[in-house]
Amino acid sequence: MEVQNSQDTVKRIQTEKCGIGLCLLSRPVFSLNCQLLFREEFSVYCGAEHPLFGRKEVEKRELRQESFVSFTCATEGMGLEPMAVLSQSLGLGERISGQSPNLEEVRRMIVAGLGIGILPLTAVHDEVASGLLWPLEIKGYPLGADVFLVTHPEGDYSRAEQHFIDLVQELRSLYPEMH
């Protein structure tokens, strides 16, 4: 198992016609099998020392002037990456104070006060509960991205990969409301 950005995962599946991937995508990739698994909800966060910490609601325009901690994929102009779409739609990223391809590093930089950043809600529950991070609610602007299981239509899968694909199919049939 490798952890990499969605664009690299998609390229590898397209060129090697093998492997499977769990990818955040703005939209399904035409040449691949992309099964929607669920929607990942995101929020903009700041650390405890940030001036916006504790505010119930902020305006989009207020966020544009803030230093921004980013996932590398959100700043490299990769059209497949929802993080780039989320960042650009909020006008973030003009003042990048830190970036990493690693969720833990992005989270650490935001907690440390390097700037605000977009993170998945499920990944920072403990930090929010302990007061290290604060979600900045943007009225009328929910943030989210779709998570897909990506495979090649002509793929040759290992036993483990085929078992995983079959398991996902079984879960989807048992829980159609899952996505």
Protein backbone atom coordinates (compact mmCIF):
# COMPACT_ATOMS: atom_id res chain seq x y z
CA MET A 1 0.00 0.00 0.00
CA GLU A 2 1.28 3.43 -0.93
CA VAL A 3 0.02 6.82 0.17
CA GLN A 4 0.23 9.42 -2.59
CA ASN A 5 -1.88 12.17 -4.07
CA SER A 6 -4.92 11.28 -6.16
CA GLN A 7 -3.42 12.48 -9.43
CA ASP A 8 -0.41 10.16 -9.07
CA THR A 9 -2.70 7.27 -8.17
CA VAL A 10 -4.91 7.88 -11.21
CA LYS A 11 -1.85 8.13 -13.53
CA ARG A 12 -0.44 4.89 -12.21
CA ILE A 13 -3.73 3.01 -12.67
CA GLN A 14 -4.14 4.47 -16.19
CA THR A 15 -0.62 3.64 -17.38
CA GLU A 16 0.02 0.34 -15.63
CA LYS A 17 -3.56 -0.97 -15.91
CA CYS A 18 -3.13 -2.43 -12.46
CA GLY A 19 -3.76 -1.62 -8.86
CA ILE A 20 -6.65 0.06 -7.14
CA GLY A 21 -6.88 3.45 -5.51
CA LEU A 22 -8.95 5.40 -3.04
CA CYS A 23 -8.96 8.92 -4.43
CA LEU A 24 -10.44 12.31 -3.71
CA LEU A 25 -11.74 13.44 -7.08
CA SER A 26 -13.69 16.47 -8.27
CA ARG A 27 -15.34 14.21 -10.83
CA PRO A 28 -14.92 10.61 -12.07
CA VAL A 29 -12.10 9.96 -14.54
CA PHE A 30 -13.58 9.05 -17.94
CA SER A 31 -11.22 6.18 -18.81
CA LEU A 32 -11.35 4.44 -15.41
CA ASN A 33 -13.93 2.75 -13.22
CA CYS A 34 -14.68 5.25 -10.46
CA GLN A 35 -17.17 4.15 -7.83
CA LEU A 36 -18.34 6.81 -5.42
CA LEU A 37 -17.81 5.59 -1.87
CA PHE A 38 -18.67 8.63 0.22
CA ARG A 39 -18.36 12.39 0.54
CA GLU A 40 -15.57 13.66 2.79
CA GLU A 41 -16.52 16.87 4.60
CA PHE A 42 -13.86 19.53 5.12
CA SER A 43 -13.56 22.77 7.02
CA VAL A 44 -11.10 25.62 7.26
CA TYR A 45 -9.24 25.50 10.59
CA CYS A 46 -7.02 27.77 12.62
CA GLY A 47 -4.86 27.11 15.67
CA ALA A 48 -5.53 28.28 19.24
CA GLU A 49 -3.30 31.37 18.94
CA HIS A 50 -4.90 32.61 15.73
CA PRO A 51 -7.02 35.82 15.93
CA LEU A 52 -10.02 34.02 14.34
CA PHE A 53 -9.99 31.27 17.00
CA GLY A 54 -13.39 31.05 18.69
CA ARG A 55 -15.31 33.00 16.05
CA LYS A 56 -18.64 31.38 15.18
CA GLU A 57 -18.73 32.56 11.55
CA VAL A 58 -16.32 34.22 9.13
CA GLU A 59 -16.71 35.71 5.68
CA LYS A 60 -14.84 34.30 2.68
CA ARG A 61 -13.18 37.69 2.13
CA GLU A 62 -11.68 37.56 5.65
CA LEU A 63 -9.89 34.31 4.87
CA ARG A 64 -8.22 35.58 1.70
CA GLN A 65 -5.81 37.79 3.64
CA GLU A 66 -4.70 35.01 6.00
CA SER A 67 -1.51 32.98 5.73
CA PHE A 68 -2.42 29.58 4.35
CA VAL A 69 -1.06 26.12 5.13
CA SER A 70 -1.70 23.90 2.15
CA PHE A 71 -1.51 20.38 0.87
CA THR A 72 1.10 20.33 -1.89
CA CYS A 73 -1.49 19.01 -4.35
CA ALA A 74 -3.62 22.15 -3.82
CA THR A 75 -0.89 24.45 -5.11
CA GLU A 76 0.49 22.47 -8.04
CA GLY A 77 -2.37 23.20 -10.44
CA MET A 78 -3.53 19.59 -10.54
CA GLY A 79 -7.02 19.71 -11.96
CA LEU A 80 -8.06 16.38 -10.44
CA GLU A 81 -7.32 17.41 -6.89
CA PRO A 82 -10.37 18.63 -4.96
CA MET A 83 -8.06 20.33 -2.47
CA ALA A 84 -7.02 22.72 -5.24
CA VAL A 85 -10.67 23.34 -6.12
CA LEU A 86 -11.61 23.94 -2.47
CA SER A 87 -8.69 26.31 -1.93
CA GLN A 88 -9.28 28.27 -5.12
CA SER A 89 -13.02 28.56 -4.54
CA LEU A 90 -12.31 30.28 -1.23
CA GLY A 91 -9.56 32.45 -2.71
CA LEU A 92 -6.95 30.88 -0.45
CA GLY A 93 -3.35 30.26 -1.27
CA GLU A 94 -2.03 33.69 -2.19
CA ARG A 95 0.02 33.80 1.04
CA ILE A 96 1.30 30.26 1.53
CA SER A 97 3.15 29.89 4.82
CA GLY A 98 3.64 26.13 4.71
CA GLN A 99 2.79 23.10 2.62
CA SER A 100 3.15 19.35 2.72
CA PRO A 101 1.69 16.31 0.95
CA ASN A 102 1.15 14.79 4.41
CA LEU A 103 -2.07 15.37 6.38
CA GLU A 104 -0.33 15.09 9.76
CA GLU A 105 2.21 17.73 8.77
CA VAL A 106 -0.45 20.14 7.48
CA ARG A 107 -2.41 19.64 10.70
CA ARG A 108 0.74 20.18 12.81
CA MET A 109 1.57 23.45 11.00
CA ILE A 110 -1.96 24.79 11.53
CA VAL A 111 -1.88 23.85 15.23
CA ALA A 112 1.55 25.53 15.49
CA GLY A 113 0.06 28.78 14.16
CA LEU A 114 1.63 29.01 10.70
CA GLY A 115 -1.76 29.88 9.21
CA ILE A 116 -5.22 28.60 8.41
CA GLY A 117 -5.83 25.49 6.32
CA ILE A 118 -8.40 23.06 4.96
CA LEU A 119 -8.64 19.67 6.69
CA PRO A 120 -11.12 16.78 6.74
CA LEU A 121 -13.48 16.93 9.74
CA THR A 122 -12.88 13.30 10.68
CA ALA A 123 -9.10 13.73 10.82
CA VAL A 124 -9.07 16.54 13.38
CA HIS A 125 -11.89 15.64 15.76
CA ASP A 126 -9.50 15.16 18.72
CA GLU A 127 -7.64 18.43 18.09
CA VAL A 128 -10.92 20.37 17.95
CA ALA A 129 -12.21 18.66 21.12
CA SER A 130 -8.99 19.50 22.98
CA GLY A 131 -8.96 23.14 21.82
CA LEU A 132 -5.91 22.94 19.56
CA LEU A 133 -7.87 23.65 16.36
CA TRP A 134 -10.97 25.72 15.62
CA PRO A 135 -13.28 25.19 12.62
CA LEU A 136 -14.00 28.44 10.79
CA GLU A 137 -17.62 28.26 9.64
CA ILE A 138 -18.23 30.00 6.33
CA LYS A 139 -21.92 30.80 6.06
CA GLY A 140 -23.60 29.13 3.09
CA TYR A 141 -20.39 27.50 1.95
CA PRO A 142 -20.07 23.80 2.81
CA LEU A 143 -16.77 22.18 1.83
CA GLY A 144 -16.49 18.60 0.67
CA ALA A 145 -14.98 16.23 -1.85
CA ASP A 146 -15.97 12.81 -3.13
CA VAL A 147 -13.93 9.69 -2.36
CA PHE A 148 -13.88 7.11 -5.14
CA LEU A 149 -12.63 3.58 -5.51
CA VAL A 150 -10.65 3.77 -8.77
CA THR A 151 -9.80 0.74 -10.91
CA HIS A 152 -8.83 0.11 -14.51
CA PRO A 153 -11.55 -1.55 -16.66
CA GLU A 154 -8.94 -3.99 -18.02
CA GLY A 155 -7.14 -4.39 -14.71
CA ASP A 156 -5.36 -7.54 -13.66
CA TYR A 157 -5.79 -7.61 -9.87
CA SER A 158 -4.00 -9.54 -7.19
CA ARG A 159 -6.10 -11.80 -4.94
CA ALA A 160 -6.02 -9.18 -2.19
CA GLU A 161 -7.07 -6.38 -4.57
CA GLN A 162 -9.90 -8.45 -6.03
CA HIS A 163 -11.05 -9.38 -2.53
CA PHE A 164 -11.08 -5.69 -1.56
CA ILE A 165 -13.06 -4.75 -4.70
CA ASP A 166 -15.55 -7.56 -4.00
CA LEU A 167 -15.89 -6.46 -0.38
CA VAL A 168 -16.62 -2.87 -1.43
CA GLN A 169 -19.25 -4.15 -3.90
CA GLU A 170 -20.86 -6.26 -1.19
CA LEU A 171 -20.94 -3.35 1.25
CA ARG A 172 -22.43 -1.06 -1.39
CA SER A 173 -25.20 -3.56 -2.11
CA LEU A 174 -25.93 -4.04 1.61
CA TYR A 175 -25.81 -0.30 2.37
CA PRO A 176 -26.96 1.60 -0.73
CA GLU A 177 -27.26 4.81 1.31
CA MET A 178 -23.52 4.54 2.12
CA HIS A 179 -22.62 7.22 -0.43
